[in-house]
Every structure is written in C-alpha cells, then in structure tokens.
Protein backbone atom coordinates (compact mmCIF):
# COMPACT_ATOMS: atom_id res chain seq x y z
CA MET A 1 96.76 87.97 74.29
CA TYR A 2 99.75 89.77 75.37
CA GLU A 3 103.00 88.33 76.63
CA ILE A 4 105.64 89.13 78.37
CA ILE A 5 108.86 89.51 76.94
CA PHE A 6 112.59 88.60 78.81
CA TYR A 7 115.05 90.62 76.74
CA GLU A 8 118.75 88.89 76.02
CA ASP A 9 122.16 90.21 75.62
CA LYS A 10 123.89 89.82 72.35
CA ASN A 11 125.23 86.35 73.35
CA GLY A 12 121.20 85.16 74.05
CA LYS A 13 121.49 85.23 77.86
CA SER A 14 118.72 86.47 79.72
CA GLU A 15 119.54 87.60 83.24
CA VAL A 16 115.62 87.69 84.17
CA ALA A 17 114.71 84.64 82.94
CA ASP A 18 117.72 82.76 83.99
CA PHE A 19 116.70 84.02 87.79
CA ILE A 20 113.44 82.86 87.55
CA GLU A 21 114.43 79.52 86.36
CA LYS A 22 116.93 79.12 89.18
CA LEU A 23 114.51 80.30 91.44
CA ASN A 24 111.86 78.01 90.61
CA GLU A 25 114.50 75.05 90.55
CA ASN A 26 115.66 76.09 93.83
CA ALA A 27 111.68 75.73 94.91
CA LYS A 28 111.70 72.14 95.66
CA THR A 29 113.66 72.41 98.48
CA SER A 30 113.70 76.14 99.20
CA LYS A 31 110.67 77.55 101.25
CA GLU A 32 111.97 81.05 100.68
CA CYS A 33 112.57 80.51 97.10
CA ARG A 34 109.07 78.92 96.36
CA ILE A 35 107.34 82.08 98.23
CA ASN A 36 109.39 84.23 95.94
CA ILE A 37 108.29 82.12 92.62
CA ASN A 38 105.02 82.14 93.87
CA LYS A 39 104.98 86.02 94.17
CA ILE A 40 106.58 86.69 90.62
CA ILE A 41 103.86 84.17 89.18
CA ALA A 42 101.12 86.21 91.05
CA TYR A 43 102.57 89.74 89.88
CA MET A 44 102.61 88.57 86.12
CA ASP A 45 99.07 87.53 87.01
CA VAL A 46 97.89 90.96 88.38
CA TYR A 47 99.55 92.61 85.34
CA HIS A 48 97.93 90.33 82.65
CA SER A 49 94.70 90.98 84.23
CA ALA A 50 94.90 94.81 84.79
CA LEU A 51 95.86 94.91 80.77
CA PHE A 52 92.81 93.21 80.24
CA TYR A 53 90.44 95.55 82.44
CA GLN A 54 92.44 98.36 80.54
CA GLU A 55 91.49 96.73 77.27
CA ASP A 56 87.77 96.34 78.15
CA GLN A 57 86.90 99.77 79.65
CA GLU A 58 88.58 100.81 76.46
CA ASN A 59 86.12 99.16 74.40
CA THR A 60 83.02 100.33 76.14
C-alpha cells in the first residue's frame, strides 16, 4: 500500500497537515470548509486508485 507523506520542517511542523486538520475542524460549522475537505479526500482517493491501477498494469 502507498502512503502520503506530509513533510515537516526542522521543528516538526507541517503546513499541509496543519491546514487539513484546521479545515477538518472548521468543516463542522462551515459548508465551504466541508466541501474543500471532501475535495481533498477525493483527490487523495483518486491518486491512490491511479497508483494501484498503474501497478496492476505493470504486473500484467
């Protein structure tokens, strides 16, 4: 299985992970944030599916 790695700076901070966490928290009360977090999740799923499809094609 593939994993998505969010890089961190030397202090252990990840701007991408922090953004997603904040967006997820705000999604409880904000329709716009809920739409955006769902888009991010969908993009990650599509990327993950594309990697598996590519791997299957290489193995056939």
